[in-house]
Amino acid sequence: MEVVLATAIGVLVASGVWLVLRPRTFQVIIGLCLLSYGVNLFIFAMGRLWVDKAPIMTKGGPVDPTQFADPVPQALVLTAIVISFATTALFLVVMMVSRGLTGTDHVDGKETN
């Protein structure tokens, strides 16, 4: 399972970097989204990969931390997802305004022939 997750993180980050380096703004936005997904998976994996483990400890009784998942990476990823949605929306608005003003979606506003 760790190999599959590491491969997925690597593919997402590599694809994101490749798309960020493209000349079109839509490709840059998709690349930033892929990068954020890769980073979110990496942060989520830092809390260890658990199956059927609760992130919240119950009140009372002895607490065995090995029986619970770490809730901090899950909270960080949830926050990062919300922030990435807002950032993507902002980028889309800026891209649309730039396209309207310059008439092209090239990142520097100039078409190269």
N, C-alpha and C. Protein backbone atom coordinates (compact mmCIF):
# COMPACT_ATOMS: atom_id res chain seq x y z
N MET A 1 0.82 -1.19 0.00
CA MET A 1 0.00 0.00 0.00
C MET A 1 0.86 1.26 0.00
N GLU A 2 2.00 1.20 0.70
CA GLU A 2 2.88 2.36 0.74
C GLU A 2 3.49 2.65 -0.62
N VAL A 3 3.81 1.58 -1.37
CA VAL A 3 4.41 1.77 -2.70
C VAL A 3 3.40 2.42 -3.64
N VAL A 4 2.16 2.00 -3.57
CA VAL A 4 1.12 2.58 -4.42
C VAL A 4 0.91 4.05 -4.07
N LEU A 5 0.87 4.37 -2.78
CA LEU A 5 0.68 5.76 -2.36
C LEU A 5 1.87 6.62 -2.77
N ALA A 6 3.09 6.11 -2.57
CA ALA A 6 4.28 6.87 -2.96
C ALA A 6 4.32 7.10 -4.47
N THR A 7 3.92 6.09 -5.23
CA THR A 7 3.87 6.24 -6.69
C THR A 7 2.82 7.27 -7.09
N ALA A 8 1.67 7.24 -6.45
CA ALA A 8 0.62 8.22 -6.76
C ALA A 8 1.08 9.64 -6.44
N ILE A 9 1.74 9.80 -5.29
CA ILE A 9 2.25 11.13 -4.92
C ILE A 9 3.28 11.60 -5.96
N GLY A 10 4.18 10.71 -6.35
CA GLY A 10 5.20 11.06 -7.33
C GLY A 10 4.62 11.43 -8.68
N VAL A 11 3.63 10.66 -9.13
CA VAL A 11 3.00 10.96 -10.42
C VAL A 11 2.26 12.29 -10.37
N LEU A 12 1.53 12.54 -9.28
CA LEU A 12 0.80 13.80 -9.15
C LEU A 12 1.74 14.99 -9.14
N VAL A 13 2.81 14.90 -8.36
CA VAL A 13 3.75 16.02 -8.26
C VAL A 13 4.49 16.22 -9.59
N ALA A 14 4.92 15.14 -10.21
CA ALA A 14 5.63 15.27 -11.49
C ALA A 14 4.72 15.86 -12.57
N SER A 15 3.48 15.38 -12.62
CA SER A 15 2.53 15.93 -13.60
C SER A 15 2.23 17.39 -13.30
N GLY A 16 2.11 17.72 -12.02
CA GLY A 16 1.84 19.11 -11.65
C GLY A 16 2.98 20.04 -12.02
N VAL A 17 4.20 19.62 -11.77
CA VAL A 17 5.35 20.46 -12.12
C VAL A 17 5.44 20.63 -13.63
N TRP A 18 5.22 19.53 -14.37
CA TRP A 18 5.26 19.62 -15.84
C TRP A 18 4.20 20.59 -16.35
N LEU A 19 2.99 20.52 -15.79
CA LEU A 19 1.93 21.42 -16.26
C LEU A 19 2.16 22.86 -15.83
N VAL A 20 2.75 23.08 -14.65
CA VAL A 20 3.03 24.46 -14.22
C VAL A 20 4.02 25.13 -15.16
N LEU A 21 4.90 24.36 -15.75
CA LEU A 21 5.90 24.92 -16.65
C LEU A 21 5.38 25.13 -18.08
N ARG A 22 4.11 24.82 -18.34
CA ARG A 22 3.51 25.00 -19.67
C ARG A 22 3.17 26.48 -19.89
N PRO A 23 3.02 26.91 -21.16
CA PRO A 23 2.81 28.34 -21.42
C PRO A 23 1.37 28.82 -21.29
N ARG A 24 0.38 27.95 -21.17
CA ARG A 24 -1.02 28.36 -21.11
C ARG A 24 -1.50 28.42 -19.66
N THR A 25 -2.33 29.42 -19.38
CA THR A 25 -2.76 29.63 -17.98
C THR A 25 -3.63 28.49 -17.48
N PHE A 26 -4.49 27.92 -18.31
CA PHE A 26 -5.32 26.80 -17.85
C PHE A 26 -4.47 25.61 -17.45
N GLN A 27 -3.42 25.34 -18.22
CA GLN A 27 -2.51 24.25 -17.87
C GLN A 27 -1.79 24.53 -16.55
N VAL A 28 -1.45 25.79 -16.31
CA VAL A 28 -0.79 26.15 -15.06
C VAL A 28 -1.75 25.92 -13.88
N ILE A 29 -3.01 26.27 -14.05
CA ILE A 29 -3.99 26.08 -12.98
C ILE A 29 -4.20 24.60 -12.69
N ILE A 30 -4.32 23.79 -13.73
CA ILE A 30 -4.46 22.35 -13.53
C ILE A 30 -3.20 21.79 -12.86
N GLY A 31 -2.04 22.28 -13.23
CA GLY A 31 -0.79 21.84 -12.59
C GLY A 31 -0.75 22.18 -11.12
N LEU A 32 -1.22 23.37 -10.77
CA LEU A 32 -1.27 23.75 -9.35
C LEU A 32 -2.24 22.86 -8.58
N CYS A 33 -3.35 22.50 -9.20
CA CYS A 33 -4.30 21.59 -8.55
C CYS A 33 -3.66 20.22 -8.30
N LEU A 34 -2.96 19.71 -9.32
CA LEU A 34 -2.31 18.40 -9.16
C LEU A 34 -1.23 18.45 -8.08
N LEU A 35 -0.48 19.56 -8.04
CA LEU A 35 0.52 19.71 -6.99
C LEU A 35 -0.13 19.72 -5.61
N SER A 36 -1.24 20.41 -5.48
CA SER A 36 -1.90 20.45 -4.17
C SER A 36 -2.43 19.08 -3.78
N TYR A 37 -2.94 18.31 -4.75
CA TYR A 37 -3.39 16.96 -4.44
C TYR A 37 -2.22 16.08 -3.98
N GLY A 38 -1.08 16.21 -4.64
CA GLY A 38 0.10 15.44 -4.24
C GLY A 38 0.57 15.80 -2.85
N VAL A 39 0.59 17.09 -2.54
CA VAL A 39 1.02 17.52 -1.21
C VAL A 39 0.00 17.07 -0.16
N ASN A 40 -1.29 17.14 -0.48
CA ASN A 40 -2.31 16.67 0.47
C ASN A 40 -2.15 15.18 0.77
N LEU A 41 -1.90 14.39 -0.25
CA LEU A 41 -1.68 12.96 -0.02
C LEU A 41 -0.44 12.73 0.83
N PHE A 42 0.61 13.52 0.59
CA PHE A 42 1.84 13.39 1.37
C PHE A 42 1.58 13.72 2.84
N ILE A 43 0.87 14.81 3.10
CA ILE A 43 0.55 15.18 4.48
C ILE A 43 -0.33 14.12 5.13
N PHE A 44 -1.31 13.62 4.38
CA PHE A 44 -2.19 12.58 4.91
C PHE A 44 -1.41 11.32 5.25
N ALA A 45 -0.43 10.97 4.44
CA ALA A 45 0.36 9.78 4.70
C ALA A 45 1.28 9.95 5.91
N MET A 46 1.58 11.20 6.29
CA MET A 46 2.44 11.43 7.45
C MET A 46 1.76 10.96 8.74
N GLY A 47 0.45 10.87 8.74
CA GLY A 47 -0.27 10.41 9.93
C GLY A 47 -0.37 8.89 10.00
N ARG A 48 0.37 8.20 9.23
CA ARG A 48 0.37 6.75 9.09
C ARG A 48 -0.89 6.28 8.39
N LEU A 49 -0.77 5.20 7.71
CA LEU A 49 -1.90 4.64 6.97
C LEU A 49 -2.61 3.62 7.84
N TRP A 50 -3.80 3.96 8.28
CA TRP A 50 -4.60 3.10 9.13
C TRP A 50 -5.87 2.71 8.40
N VAL A 51 -6.32 1.52 8.69
CA VAL A 51 -7.62 1.07 8.19
C VAL A 51 -8.48 0.74 9.40
N ASP A 52 -9.69 1.27 9.44
CA ASP A 52 -10.66 1.03 10.51
C ASP A 52 -10.17 1.51 11.87
N LYS A 53 -9.45 2.63 11.92
CA LYS A 53 -9.02 3.22 13.18
C LYS A 53 -9.70 4.58 13.32
N ALA A 54 -10.25 4.84 14.49
CA ALA A 54 -10.94 6.09 14.74
C ALA A 54 -9.95 7.21 15.01
N PRO A 55 -10.19 8.45 14.50
CA PRO A 55 -9.28 9.55 14.78
C PRO A 55 -9.58 10.24 16.10
N ILE A 56 -10.69 9.89 16.74
CA ILE A 56 -11.09 10.55 17.98
C ILE A 56 -11.07 9.53 19.11
N MET A 57 -10.41 9.91 20.23
CA MET A 57 -10.34 9.02 21.39
C MET A 57 -11.59 9.18 22.24
N THR A 58 -12.05 8.10 22.80
CA THR A 58 -13.25 8.16 23.63
C THR A 58 -12.92 8.67 25.02
N LYS A 59 -13.94 9.21 25.71
CA LYS A 59 -13.75 9.70 27.07
C LYS A 59 -13.67 8.53 28.04
N GLY A 60 -12.86 8.72 29.07
CA GLY A 60 -12.77 7.72 30.12
C GLY A 60 -12.05 6.46 29.65
N GLY A 61 -11.66 5.68 30.61
CA GLY A 61 -11.01 4.41 30.31
C GLY A 61 -9.58 4.60 29.87
N PRO A 62 -8.82 3.54 29.81
CA PRO A 62 -7.42 3.64 29.36
C PRO A 62 -7.35 3.97 27.88
N VAL A 63 -6.39 4.79 27.54
CA VAL A 63 -6.21 5.21 26.15
C VAL A 63 -4.93 4.59 25.63
N ASP A 64 -5.07 3.82 24.58
CA ASP A 64 -3.93 3.22 23.90
C ASP A 64 -3.74 3.96 22.57
N PRO A 65 -2.72 4.84 22.46
CA PRO A 65 -2.58 5.64 21.24
C PRO A 65 -2.32 4.81 19.99
N THR A 66 -1.92 3.57 20.14
CA THR A 66 -1.68 2.75 18.95
C THR A 66 -2.97 2.31 18.29
N GLN A 67 -4.09 2.48 18.98
CA GLN A 67 -5.38 2.06 18.45
C GLN A 67 -6.12 3.19 17.74
N PHE A 68 -5.50 4.39 17.67
CA PHE A 68 -6.18 5.52 17.08
C PHE A 68 -5.31 6.14 15.99
N ALA A 69 -5.97 6.67 14.98
CA ALA A 69 -5.26 7.39 13.92
C ALA A 69 -4.95 8.80 14.41
N ASP A 70 -3.91 9.40 13.85
CA ASP A 70 -3.53 10.76 14.22
C ASP A 70 -4.48 11.74 13.52
N PRO A 71 -5.24 12.55 14.27
CA PRO A 71 -6.21 13.45 13.63
C PRO A 71 -5.59 14.72 13.07
N VAL A 72 -4.35 15.06 13.45
CA VAL A 72 -3.75 16.33 13.00
C VAL A 72 -3.54 16.35 11.48
N PRO A 73 -2.96 15.32 10.86
CA PRO A 73 -2.82 15.36 9.40
C PRO A 73 -4.17 15.41 8.69
N GLN A 74 -5.18 14.74 9.23
CA GLN A 74 -6.49 14.78 8.61
C GLN A 74 -7.06 16.20 8.66
N ALA A 75 -6.88 16.89 9.79
CA ALA A 75 -7.36 18.26 9.90
C ALA A 75 -6.57 19.19 8.97
N LEU A 76 -5.27 18.97 8.87
CA LEU A 76 -4.46 19.80 7.97
C LEU A 76 -4.87 19.61 6.52
N VAL A 77 -5.13 18.38 6.12
CA VAL A 77 -5.53 18.11 4.73
C VAL A 77 -6.90 18.71 4.45
N LEU A 78 -7.81 18.62 5.40
CA LEU A 78 -9.12 19.21 5.20
C LEU A 78 -9.01 20.73 5.02
N THR A 79 -8.18 21.36 5.82
CA THR A 79 -7.96 22.80 5.69
C THR A 79 -7.30 23.12 4.35
N ALA A 80 -6.34 22.31 3.96
CA ALA A 80 -5.64 22.56 2.69
C ALA A 80 -6.58 22.39 1.50
N ILE A 81 -7.52 21.46 1.58
CA ILE A 81 -8.48 21.28 0.48
C ILE A 81 -9.33 22.53 0.33
N VAL A 82 -9.80 23.09 1.43
CA VAL A 82 -10.63 24.29 1.38
C VAL A 82 -9.82 25.46 0.80
N ILE A 83 -8.59 25.61 1.26
CA ILE A 83 -7.75 26.71 0.78
C ILE A 83 -7.44 26.53 -0.71
N SER A 84 -7.20 25.30 -1.14
CA SER A 84 -6.90 25.09 -2.57
C SER A 84 -8.12 25.36 -3.44
N PHE A 85 -9.33 25.06 -2.97
CA PHE A 85 -10.53 25.41 -3.74
C PHE A 85 -10.63 26.92 -3.90
N ALA A 86 -10.40 27.66 -2.82
CA ALA A 86 -10.48 29.12 -2.89
C ALA A 86 -9.39 29.68 -3.81
N THR A 87 -8.20 29.15 -3.72
CA THR A 87 -7.10 29.61 -4.56
C THR A 87 -7.38 29.31 -6.04
N THR A 88 -7.93 28.13 -6.32
CA THR A 88 -8.26 27.78 -7.69
C THR A 88 -9.33 28.71 -8.25
N ALA A 89 -10.33 29.03 -7.44
CA ALA A 89 -11.37 29.96 -7.89
C ALA A 89 -10.77 31.32 -8.19
N LEU A 90 -9.87 31.80 -7.33
CA LEU A 90 -9.22 33.08 -7.56
C LEU A 90 -8.39 33.05 -8.85
N PHE A 91 -7.65 31.96 -9.07
CA PHE A 91 -6.85 31.84 -10.29
C PHE A 91 -7.73 31.83 -11.53
N LEU A 92 -8.88 31.15 -11.46
CA LEU A 92 -9.77 31.10 -12.61
C LEU A 92 -10.30 32.49 -12.94
N VAL A 93 -10.65 33.28 -11.92
CA VAL A 93 -11.14 34.63 -12.16
C VAL A 93 -10.04 35.49 -12.77
N VAL A 94 -8.83 35.39 -12.24
CA VAL A 94 -7.72 36.16 -12.79
C VAL A 94 -7.43 35.73 -14.22
N MET A 95 -7.52 34.44 -14.50
CA MET A 95 -7.29 33.94 -15.86
C MET A 95 -8.34 34.49 -16.82
N MET A 96 -9.59 34.50 -16.39
CA MET A 96 -10.65 35.01 -17.27
C MET A 96 -10.48 36.50 -17.52
N VAL A 97 -10.10 37.27 -16.52
CA VAL A 97 -9.88 38.71 -16.70
C VAL A 97 -8.69 38.95 -17.61
N SER A 98 -7.63 38.19 -17.42
CA SER A 98 -6.45 38.33 -18.26
C SER A 98 -6.78 37.98 -19.71
N ARG A 99 -7.56 36.93 -19.90
CA ARG A 99 -7.97 36.54 -21.26
C ARG A 99 -8.81 37.64 -21.90
N GLY A 100 -9.69 38.26 -21.11
CA GLY A 100 -10.52 39.34 -21.64
C GLY A 100 -9.72 40.58 -21.99
N LEU A 101 -8.69 40.88 -21.21
CA LEU A 101 -7.90 42.08 -21.45
C LEU A 101 -6.89 41.91 -22.57
N THR A 102 -6.26 40.74 -22.63
CA THR A 102 -5.19 40.54 -23.60
C THR A 102 -5.65 39.78 -24.84
N GLY A 103 -6.72 39.02 -24.75
CA GLY A 103 -7.20 38.24 -25.88
C GLY A 103 -6.46 36.94 -26.09
N THR A 104 -5.61 36.57 -25.16
CA THR A 104 -4.87 35.31 -25.26
C THR A 104 -4.76 34.70 -23.86
N ASP A 105 -4.53 33.39 -23.82
CA ASP A 105 -4.36 32.73 -22.52
C ASP A 105 -2.90 32.35 -22.27
N HIS A 106 -2.00 32.97 -23.02
CA HIS A 106 -0.57 32.73 -22.79
C HIS A 106 -0.17 33.39 -21.48
N VAL A 107 0.75 32.81 -20.73
CA VAL A 107 1.06 33.31 -19.40
C VAL A 107 1.65 34.72 -19.39
N ASP A 108 2.37 35.09 -20.45
CA ASP A 108 2.90 36.45 -20.49
C ASP A 108 2.07 37.37 -21.37
N GLY A 109 0.94 36.89 -21.88
CA GLY A 109 0.04 37.71 -22.68
C GLY A 109 0.45 37.89 -24.11
N LYS A 110 1.50 37.22 -24.55
CA LYS A 110 1.97 37.34 -25.93
C LYS A 110 1.97 35.96 -26.57
N GLU A 111 1.45 35.89 -27.75
CA GLU A 111 1.48 34.63 -28.50
C GLU A 111 2.82 34.52 -29.22
N THR A 112 3.44 33.38 -29.14
CA THR A 112 4.67 33.15 -29.89
C THR A 112 4.34 32.29 -31.08
N ASN A 113 4.83 32.67 -32.22
CA ASN A 113 4.54 31.91 -33.44
C ASN A 113 5.66 31.00 -33.81
